[in-house]
């Protein structure tokens, strides 16, 4: 079972030997992908914990367009648990085969990273350099964007992985290498989804409480209306009962005159 995310691409295409001239406009596609990455709502949405996710972290030579990936680390999260399946390879020697192995490890599962736009940018750049198909924006989930959307009041903030982990009490150190950073990112994904489930449960209970209050309010209103109606009926009965007596008094007064 794969992670719960819609993907129009139908999974990652593993390139064959005749793909070298298949994508002549990859740079244009990459720019469009980077723009759509920031507009993609799925990247913000918290998914269902059931299924398979691949949490990915990369080490690069820098942050500029001229920089490249040095190392890829990925771990599997299956049904809310971190498994023993891991991927760790350097791209400085045989990047094409390393990328092929990485894509096979990912299969058609969603890739999760704390800055998915950054990850997609560098992965697609590496794929382009090796004449391999680019990845679709719909294959990425971003824990930073999930966190900012659901847990931060000022949504323009960019919260780093360490700060997010600290807020959930995650003790794995993100500054002790790519493997620890990837593990911390996986733990954060699980905590965000579990936190969302808790939040949904709180919302459900709150809704039930509100419905209960509304029901009690309506019952009190109906009770007041019932009491008011009963009082009005009693008043009308008293008025009707007094009417003959008043008429008799009037007749008596006329007779005495």
C-alpha atoms as a PDB file:
ATOM      1  CA  UNK A   1       0.000   0.000   0.000  1.00  0.00           C
ATOM      2  CA  UNK A   2       1.388   3.401  -1.001  1.00  0.00           C
ATOM      3  CA  UNK A   3       1.020   6.725   0.737  1.00  0.00           C
ATOM      4  CA  UNK A   4      -2.251   8.591   0.473  1.00  0.00           C
ATOM      5  CA  UNK A   5      -1.465  11.264  -2.120  1.00  0.00           C
ATOM      6  CA  UNK A   6      -2.908  11.871  -5.544  1.00  0.00           C
ATOM      7  CA  UNK A   7      -0.377  11.745  -8.356  1.00  0.00           C
ATOM      8  CA  UNK A   8      -1.275  12.587 -11.918  1.00  0.00           C
ATOM      9  CA  UNK A   9       2.042  11.215 -13.039  1.00  0.00           C
ATOM     10  CA  UNK A  10       1.118   7.655 -12.075  1.00  0.00           C
ATOM     11  CA  UNK A  11       4.466   7.090 -10.381  1.00  0.00           C
ATOM     12  CA  UNK A  12       8.106   7.659 -11.232  1.00  0.00           C
ATOM     13  CA  UNK A  13       9.298   6.581 -14.640  1.00  0.00           C
ATOM     14  CA  UNK A  14      12.523   4.558 -14.522  1.00  0.00           C
ATOM     15  CA  UNK A  15      14.470   5.704 -17.595  1.00  0.00           C
ATOM     16  CA  UNK A  16      15.555   3.365 -20.323  1.00  0.00           C
ATOM     17  CA  UNK A  17      18.702   3.598 -22.441  1.00  0.00           C
ATOM     18  CA  UNK A  18      16.976   5.522 -25.267  1.00  0.00           C
ATOM     19  CA  UNK A  19      15.802   8.532 -23.204  1.00  0.00           C
ATOM     20  CA  UNK A  20      18.774  10.828 -23.858  1.00  0.00           C
ATOM     21  CA  UNK A  21      16.972  13.099 -26.366  1.00  0.00           C
ATOM     22  CA  UNK A  22      13.482  12.541 -25.026  1.00  0.00           C
ATOM     23  CA  UNK A  23      13.190  15.756 -22.976  1.00  0.00           C
ATOM     24  CA  UNK A  24      14.663  18.716 -24.936  1.00  0.00           C
ATOM     25  CA  UNK A  25      12.854  21.367 -22.845  1.00  0.00           C
ATOM     26  CA  UNK A  26      13.713  20.078 -19.370  1.00  0.00           C
ATOM     27  CA  UNK A  27      14.964  23.458 -18.128  1.00  0.00           C
ATOM     28  CA  UNK A  28      11.639  25.079 -18.967  1.00  0.00           C
ATOM     29  CA  UNK A  29       9.833  22.144 -17.333  1.00  0.00           C
ATOM     30  CA  UNK A  30      11.993  22.487 -14.230  1.00  0.00           C
ATOM     31  CA  UNK A  31      11.214  26.203 -13.864  1.00  0.00           C
ATOM     32  CA  UNK A  32       7.503  25.475 -14.233  1.00  0.00           C
ATOM     33  CA  UNK A  33       7.817  22.661 -11.702  1.00  0.00           C
ATOM     34  CA  UNK A  34       9.510  24.955  -9.180  1.00  0.00           C
ATOM     35  CA  UNK A  35       6.714  27.528  -9.551  1.00  0.00           C
ATOM     36  CA  UNK A  36       3.973  24.910  -9.272  1.00  0.00           C
ATOM     37  CA  UNK A  37       5.772  23.453  -6.237  1.00  0.00           C
ATOM     38  CA  UNK A  38       4.977  26.632  -4.309  1.00  0.00           C
ATOM     39  CA  UNK A  39       1.386  26.601  -5.551  1.00  0.00           C
ATOM     40  CA  UNK A  40       0.708  22.902  -5.017  1.00  0.00           C
ATOM     41  CA  UNK A  41      -1.926  22.531  -2.289  1.00  0.00           C
ATOM     42  CA  UNK A  42      -1.238  18.811  -1.819  1.00  0.00           C
ATOM     43  CA  UNK A  43       2.204  19.697  -0.461  1.00  0.00           C
ATOM     44  CA  UNK A  44       0.467  21.593   2.370  1.00  0.00           C
ATOM     45  CA  UNK A  45      -2.135  18.964   3.196  1.00  0.00           C
ATOM     46  CA  UNK A  46      -1.580  16.471   6.004  1.00  0.00           C
ATOM     47  CA  UNK A  47      -1.970  12.958   4.550  1.00  0.00           C
ATOM     48  CA  UNK A  48      -3.391   9.790   6.041  1.00  0.00           C
ATOM     49  CA  UNK A  49      -0.794   7.922   8.085  1.00  0.00           C
ATOM     50  CA  UNK A  50      -1.674   4.613   6.443  1.00  0.00           C
ATOM     51  CA  UNK A  51       0.521   3.653   3.528  1.00  0.00           C
ATOM     52  CA  UNK A  52       4.141   4.105   2.498  1.00  0.00           C
ATOM     53  CA  UNK A  53       6.152   7.317   2.498  1.00  0.00           C
ATOM     54  CA  UNK A  54       9.818   7.858   1.659  1.00  0.00           C
ATOM     55  CA  UNK A  55      11.472  10.593   3.705  1.00  0.00           C
ATOM     56  CA  UNK A  56      14.390  12.147   1.820  1.00  0.00           C
ATOM     57  CA  UNK A  57      17.280  14.380   2.809  1.00  0.00           C
ATOM     58  CA  UNK A  58      20.091  15.548   0.546  1.00  0.00           C
ATOM     59  CA  UNK A  59      23.501  17.110   1.017  1.00  0.00           C
ATOM     60  CA  UNK A  60      24.533  19.624  -1.652  1.00  0.00           C
ATOM     61  CA  UNK A  61      27.667  21.582  -2.497  1.00  0.00           C
ATOM     62  CA  UNK A  62      25.731  24.766  -1.746  1.00  0.00           C
ATOM     63  CA  UNK A  63      22.393  26.512  -2.319  1.00  0.00           C
ATOM     64  CA  UNK A  64      22.967  28.216  -5.667  1.00  0.00           C
ATOM     65  CA  UNK A  65      21.841  26.987  -9.090  1.00  0.00           C
ATOM     66  CA  UNK A  66      25.434  26.017  -9.917  1.00  0.00           C
ATOM     67  CA  UNK A  67      25.567  23.611  -6.928  1.00  0.00           C
ATOM     68  CA  UNK A  68      24.809  19.896  -7.074  1.00  0.00           C
ATOM     69  CA  UNK A  69      23.782  16.971  -4.859  1.00  0.00           C
ATOM     70  CA  UNK A  70      26.607  15.167  -3.090  1.00  0.00           C
ATOM     71  CA  UNK A  71      24.618  12.617  -1.096  1.00  0.00           C
ATOM     72  CA  UNK A  72      21.050  11.245  -0.866  1.00  0.00           C
ATOM     73  CA  UNK A  73      19.588   9.608   2.218  1.00  0.00           C
ATOM     74  CA  UNK A  74      16.096   8.123   2.307  1.00  0.00           C
ATOM     75  CA  UNK A  75      14.173   6.027   4.822  1.00  0.00           C
ATOM     76  CA  UNK A  76      10.849   4.258   4.649  1.00  0.00           C
ATOM     77  CA  UNK A  77       7.830   5.104   6.796  1.00  0.00           C
ATOM     78  CA  UNK A  78       5.159   2.413   6.576  1.00  0.00           C
ATOM     79  CA  UNK A  79       1.780   2.794   8.284  1.00  0.00           C
ATOM     80  CA  UNK A  80       3.150   5.295  10.762  1.00  0.00           C
ATOM     81  CA  UNK A  81       6.324   3.371  11.634  1.00  0.00           C
ATOM     82  CA  UNK A  82       9.926   3.923  10.563  1.00  0.00           C
ATOM     83  CA  UNK A  83      11.170   0.666   9.040  1.00  0.00           C
ATOM     84  CA  UNK A  84      14.701  -0.649   8.660  1.00  0.00           C
ATOM     85  CA  UNK A  85      14.667   0.000   4.897  1.00  0.00           C
ATOM     86  CA  UNK A  86      17.118   2.790   4.102  1.00  0.00           C
ATOM     87  CA  UNK A  87      18.882   4.297   1.116  1.00  0.00           C
ATOM     88  CA  UNK A  88      22.197   6.152   1.311  1.00  0.00           C
ATOM     89  CA  UNK A  89      24.437   6.896  -1.672  1.00  0.00           C
ATOM     90  CA  UNK A  90      26.952   9.429  -2.898  1.00  0.00           C
ATOM     91  CA  UNK A  91      26.357  11.040  -6.282  1.00  0.00           C
ATOM     92  CA  UNK A  92      29.886  12.255  -6.874  1.00  0.00           C
ATOM     93  CA  UNK A  93      31.073   9.115  -8.734  1.00  0.00           C
ATOM     94  CA  UNK A  94      28.257   7.366 -10.639  1.00  0.00           C
ATOM     95  CA  UNK A  95      25.314   9.705 -10.270  1.00  0.00           C
ATOM     96  CA  UNK A  96      23.130   8.141 -12.965  1.00  0.00           C
ATOM     97  CA  UNK A  97      23.121   4.663 -11.430  1.00  0.00           C
ATOM     98  CA  UNK A  98      22.752   6.154  -7.955  1.00  0.00           C
ATOM     99  CA  UNK A  99      19.663   8.069  -9.144  1.00  0.00           C
ATOM    100  CA  UNK A 100      18.237   4.930 -10.776  1.00  0.00           C
ATOM    101  CA  UNK A 101      18.679   3.027  -7.509  1.00  0.00           C
ATOM    102  CA  UNK A 102      17.080   5.902  -5.604  1.00  0.00           C
ATOM    103  CA  UNK A 103      14.032   5.971  -7.887  1.00  0.00           C
ATOM    104  CA  UNK A 104      13.648   2.203  -7.519  1.00  0.00           C
ATOM    105  CA  UNK A 105      13.751   2.594  -3.743  1.00  0.00           C
ATOM    106  CA  UNK A 106      11.110   5.330  -3.863  1.00  0.00           C
ATOM    107  CA  UNK A 107       8.912   3.439  -6.342  1.00  0.00           C
ATOM    108  CA  UNK A 108       5.620   5.390  -6.621  1.00  0.00           C
ATOM    109  CA  UNK A 109       5.461   6.439  -2.952  1.00  0.00           C
ATOM    110  CA  UNK A 110       5.266  10.115  -1.978  1.00  0.00           C
ATOM    111  CA  UNK A 111       8.618  11.711  -1.162  1.00  0.00           C
ATOM    112  CA  UNK A 112       8.658  13.740   2.044  1.00  0.00           C
ATOM    113  CA  UNK A 113      11.192  16.392   2.968  1.00  0.00           C
ATOM    114  CA  UNK A 114      11.258  19.411   5.245  1.00  0.00           C
ATOM    115  CA  UNK A 115      11.806  21.714   2.266  1.00  0.00           C
ATOM    116  CA  UNK A 116      10.297  19.818  -0.642  1.00  0.00           C
ATOM    117  CA  UNK A 117      10.801  22.711  -3.081  1.00  0.00           C
ATOM    118  CA  UNK A 118      14.545  22.635  -2.391  1.00  0.00           C
ATOM    119  CA  UNK A 119      14.618  18.826  -2.724  1.00  0.00           C
ATOM    120  CA  UNK A 120      12.666  18.821  -5.993  1.00  0.00           C
ATOM    121  CA  UNK A 121      14.837  21.572  -7.471  1.00  0.00           C
ATOM    122  CA  UNK A 122      18.099  19.689  -6.894  1.00  0.00           C
ATOM    123  CA  UNK A 123      16.729  16.240  -7.740  1.00  0.00           C
ATOM    124  CA  UNK A 124      15.304  17.452 -11.033  1.00  0.00           C
ATOM    125  CA  UNK A 125      18.552  19.239 -11.807  1.00  0.00           C
ATOM    126  CA  UNK A 126      20.485  15.985 -11.235  1.00  0.00           C
ATOM    127  CA  UNK A 127      17.965  14.050 -13.359  1.00  0.00           C
ATOM    128  CA  UNK A 128      18.242  16.625 -16.132  1.00  0.00           C
ATOM    129  CA  UNK A 129      22.036  16.413 -16.123  1.00  0.00           C
ATOM    130  CA  UNK A 130      21.735  12.638 -16.559  1.00  0.00           C
ATOM    131  CA  UNK A 131      19.077  12.902 -19.313  1.00  0.00           C
ATOM    132  CA  UNK A 132      16.437  11.302 -17.076  1.00  0.00           C
ATOM    133  CA  UNK A 133      12.737  12.226 -16.711  1.00  0.00           C
ATOM    134  CA  UNK A 134      11.890  14.930 -14.201  1.00  0.00           C
ATOM    135  CA  UNK A 135       9.808  14.274 -11.115  1.00  0.00           C
ATOM    136  CA  UNK A 136       6.291  15.635 -10.772  1.00  0.00           C
ATOM    137  CA  UNK A 137       5.447  18.161  -8.056  1.00  0.00           C
ATOM    138  CA  UNK A 138       2.551  15.894  -7.019  1.00  0.00           C
ATOM    139  CA  UNK A 139       5.060  13.311  -5.766  1.00  0.00           C
ATOM    140  CA  UNK A 140       6.335  15.580  -2.963  1.00  0.00           C
ATOM    141  CA  UNK A 141       5.102  16.390   0.526  1.00  0.00           C
ATOM    142  CA  UNK A 142       6.638  19.138   2.659  1.00  0.00           C
ATOM    143  CA  UNK A 143       6.702  18.855   6.465  1.00  0.00           C
ATOM    144  CA  UNK A 144       7.706  22.520   6.783  1.00  0.00           C
ATOM    145  CA  UNK A 145       4.648  23.640   4.845  1.00  0.00           C
ATOM    146  CA  UNK A 146       2.384  21.243   6.784  1.00  0.00           C
ATOM    147  CA  UNK A 147       3.755  22.610  10.057  1.00  0.00           C
ATOM    148  CA  UNK A 148       3.428  26.264   9.056  1.00  0.00           C
ATOM    149  CA  UNK A 149      -0.112  25.800   7.742  1.00  0.00           C
ATOM    150  CA  UNK A 150      -1.417  23.883  10.735  1.00  0.00           C
ATOM    151  CA  UNK A 151       0.668  25.015  13.720  1.00  0.00           C
ATOM    152  CA  UNK A 152       2.015  28.530  13.061  1.00  0.00           C
ATOM    153  CA  UNK A 153      -0.061  31.714  13.354  1.00  0.00           C
ATOM    154  CA  UNK A 154       2.176  33.738  11.028  1.00  0.00           C
ATOM    155  CA  UNK A 155       2.142  31.524   7.949  1.00  0.00           C
ATOM    156  CA  UNK A 156       4.816  33.548   6.165  1.00  0.00           C
ATOM    157  CA  UNK A 157       7.391  32.090   8.565  1.00  0.00           C
ATOM    158  CA  UNK A 158       9.797  29.403   7.380  1.00  0.00           C
ATOM    159  CA  UNK A 159      10.434  27.082  10.296  1.00  0.00           C
ATOM    160  CA  UNK A 160      13.595  24.972  10.185  1.00  0.00           C
ATOM    161  CA  UNK A 161      13.625  21.252  10.945  1.00  0.00           C
ATOM    162  CA  UNK A 162      15.260  21.631  14.369  1.00  0.00           C
ATOM    163  CA  UNK A 163      12.620  24.132  15.564  1.00  0.00           C
ATOM    164  CA  UNK A 164       9.749  21.928  14.360  1.00  0.00           C
ATOM    165  CA  UNK A 165      11.235  18.840  16.008  1.00  0.00           C
ATOM    166  CA  UNK A 166      11.749  20.720  19.257  1.00  0.00           C
ATOM    167  CA  UNK A 167       8.092  21.811  19.310  1.00  0.00           C
ATOM    168  CA  UNK A 168       7.028  18.146  19.183  1.00  0.00           C
ATOM    169  CA  UNK A 169       9.624  16.980  21.716  1.00  0.00           C
ATOM    170  CA  UNK A 170      11.629  15.023  19.132  1.00  0.00           C
ATOM    171  CA  UNK A 171      15.098  14.384  20.615  1.00  0.00           C
ATOM    172  CA  UNK A 172      16.883  13.187  17.444  1.00  0.00           C
ATOM    173  CA  UNK A 173      19.611  15.726  16.670  1.00  0.00           C
ATOM    174  CA  UNK A 174      19.342  17.221  13.190  1.00  0.00           C
ATOM    175  CA  UNK A 175      22.896  18.589  13.247  1.00  0.00           C
ATOM    176  CA  UNK A 176      24.609  15.198  13.528  1.00  0.00           C
ATOM    177  CA  UNK A 177      24.702  14.179   9.881  1.00  0.00           C
ATOM    178  CA  UNK A 178      22.308  13.398   7.073  1.00  0.00           C
ATOM    179  CA  UNK A 179      21.129  10.067   8.550  1.00  0.00           C
ATOM    180  CA  UNK A 180      20.042  11.676  11.839  1.00  0.00           C
ATOM    181  CA  UNK A 181      18.452  14.560   9.954  1.00  0.00           C
ATOM    182  CA  UNK A 182      16.464  12.128   7.798  1.00  0.00           C
ATOM    183  CA  UNK A 183      15.342  10.174  10.871  1.00  0.00           C
ATOM    184  CA  UNK A 184      14.261  13.373  12.609  1.00  0.00           C
ATOM    185  CA  UNK A 185      12.310  14.400   9.498  1.00  0.00           C
ATOM    186  CA  UNK A 186      10.525  11.016   9.470  1.00  0.00           C
ATOM    187  CA  UNK A 187       9.658  11.368  13.166  1.00  0.00           C
ATOM    188  CA  UNK A 188       8.343  14.866  12.482  1.00  0.00           C
ATOM    189  CA  UNK A 189       6.109  13.579   9.678  1.00  0.00           C
ATOM    190  CA  UNK A 190       4.582  11.001  12.033  1.00  0.00           C
ATOM    191  CA  UNK A 191       4.102  13.560  14.816  1.00  0.00           C
ATOM    192  CA  UNK A 192       2.427  16.061  12.476  1.00  0.00           C
ATOM    193  CA  UNK A 193      -0.014  13.429  11.201  1.00  0.00           C
ATOM    194  CA  UNK A 194      -0.712  12.096  14.700  1.00  0.00           C
ATOM    195  CA  UNK A 195      -1.109  15.675  15.928  1.00  0.00           C
ATOM    196  CA  UNK A 196      -3.579  16.314  13.140  1.00  0.00           C
ATOM    197  CA  UNK A 197      -5.547  13.224  14.216  1.00  0.00           C
ATOM    198  CA  UNK A 198      -5.591  14.539  17.799  1.00  0.00           C
ATOM    199  CA  UNK A 199      -6.653  17.938  16.504  1.00  0.00           C
ATOM    200  CA  UNK A 200      -9.435  16.364  14.448  1.00  0.00           C
ATOM    201  CA  UNK A 201     -10.575  14.443  17.539  1.00  0.00           C
ATOM    202  CA  UNK A 202     -10.608  17.690  19.536  1.00  0.00           C
ATOM    203  CA  UNK A 203     -12.608  19.334  16.753  1.00  0.00           C
ATOM    204  CA  UNK A 204     -15.041  16.401  16.744  1.00  0.00           C
ATOM    205  CA  UNK A 205     -15.521  16.620  20.522  1.00  0.00           C
ATOM    206  CA  UNK A 206     -15.897  20.382  20.324  1.00  0.00           C
ATOM    207  CA  UNK A 207     -18.529  19.985  17.610  1.00  0.00           C
ATOM    208  CA  UNK A 208     -20.429  17.458  19.727  1.00  0.00           C
ATOM    209  CA  UNK A 209     -20.267  19.804  22.725  1.00  0.00           C
ATOM    210  CA  UNK A 210     -21.531  22.687  20.600  1.00  0.00           C
ATOM    211  CA  UNK A 211     -24.362  20.553  19.255  1.00  0.00           C
ATOM    212  CA  UNK A 212     -25.220  19.504  22.824  1.00  0.00           C
ATOM    213  CA  UNK A 213     -25.249  23.152  23.945  1.00  0.00           C
ATOM    214  CA  UNK A 214     -27.429  24.103  20.979  1.00  0.00           C
ATOM    215  CA  UNK A 215     -29.815  21.267  21.820  1.00  0.00           C
ATOM    216  CA  UNK A 216     -30.049  22.370  25.469  1.00  0.00           C
ATOM    217  CA  UNK A 217     -30.553  25.958  24.368  1.00  0.00           C
ATOM    218  CA  UNK A 218     -33.359  24.900  22.039  1.00  0.00           C
ATOM    219  CA  UNK A 219     -34.952  22.764  24.776  1.00  0.00           C
ATOM    220  CA  UNK A 220     -34.874  25.724  27.195  1.00  0.00           C
ATOM    221  CA  UNK A 221     -36.372  27.978  24.541  1.00  0.00           C
ATOM    222  CA  UNK A 222     -39.162  25.477  23.870  1.00  0.00           C
ATOM    223  CA  UNK A 223     -39.760  25.105  27.612  1.00  0.00           C
ATOM    224  CA  UNK A 224     -40.041  28.884  28.020  1.00  0.00           C
ATOM    225  CA  UNK A 225     -42.438  29.071  25.086  1.00  0.00           C
ATOM    226  CA  UNK A 226     -44.498  26.242  26.616  1.00  0.00           C
ATOM    227  CA  UNK A 227     -44.671  28.018  30.004  1.00  0.00           C
ATOM    228  CA  UNK A 228     -45.562  31.276  28.297  1.00  0.00           C
ATOM    229  CA  UNK A 229     -48.305  29.548  26.300  1.00  0.00           C
ATOM    230  CA  UNK A 230     -49.713  27.885  29.424  1.00  0.00           C
ATOM    231  CA  UNK A 231     -49.747  31.222  31.252  1.00  0.00           C
ATOM    232  CA  UNK A 232     -51.522  32.848  28.313  1.00  0.00           C
ATOM    233  CA  UNK A 233     -54.114  30.079  28.242  1.00  0.00           C
ATOM    234  CA  UNK A 234     -54.732  30.481  31.998  1.00  0.00           C
ATOM    235  CA  UNK A 235     -55.056  34.253  31.581  1.00  0.00           C
ATOM    236  CA  UNK A 236     -57.564  33.776  28.757  1.00  0.00           C
ATOM    237  CA  UNK A 237     -59.549  31.329  30.909  1.00  0.00           C
ATOM    238  CA  UNK A 238     -59.627  33.813  33.790  1.00  0.00           C
ATOM    239  CA  UNK A 239     -60.729  36.542  31.398  1.00  0.00           C
ATOM    240  CA  UNK A 240     -63.510  34.346  30.047  1.00  0.00           C
ATOM    241  CA  UNK A 241     -64.547  33.367  33.574  1.00  0.00           C
ATOM    242  CA  UNK A 242     -64.708  37.058  34.636  1.00  0.00           C
ATOM    243  CA  UNK A 243     -66.739  38.106  31.588  1.00  0.00           C
ATOM    244  CA  UNK A 244     -70.151  36.759  32.775  1.00  0.00           C
ATOM    245  CA  UNK A 245     -69.634  38.250  36.255  1.00  0.00           C
ATOM    246  CA  UNK A 246     -68.842  41.663  34.749  1.00  0.00           C
ATOM    247  CA  UNK A 247     -71.932  41.427  32.574  1.00  0.00           C
ATOM    248  CA  UNK A 248     -74.083  40.536  35.585  1.00  0.00           C
ATOM    249  CA  UNK A 249     -72.694  43.531  37.526  1.00  0.00           C
ATOM    250  CA  UNK A 250     -73.537  45.860  34.628  1.00  0.00           C
ATOM    251  CA  UNK A 251     -77.113  44.530  34.437  1.00  0.00           C
ATOM    252  CA  UNK A 252     -77.495  44.907  38.191  1.00  0.00           C
ATOM    253  CA  UNK A 253     -76.352  48.508  38.066  1.00  0.00           C
ATOM    254  CA  UNK A 254     -78.819  49.275  35.268  1.00  0.00           C
ATOM    255  CA  UNK A 255     -81.667  47.625  37.201  1.00  0.00           C
ATOM    256  CA  UNK A 256     -80.979  49.654  40.361  1.00  0.00           C
ATOM    257  CA  UNK A 257     -80.999  52.847  38.364  1.00  0.00           C
END
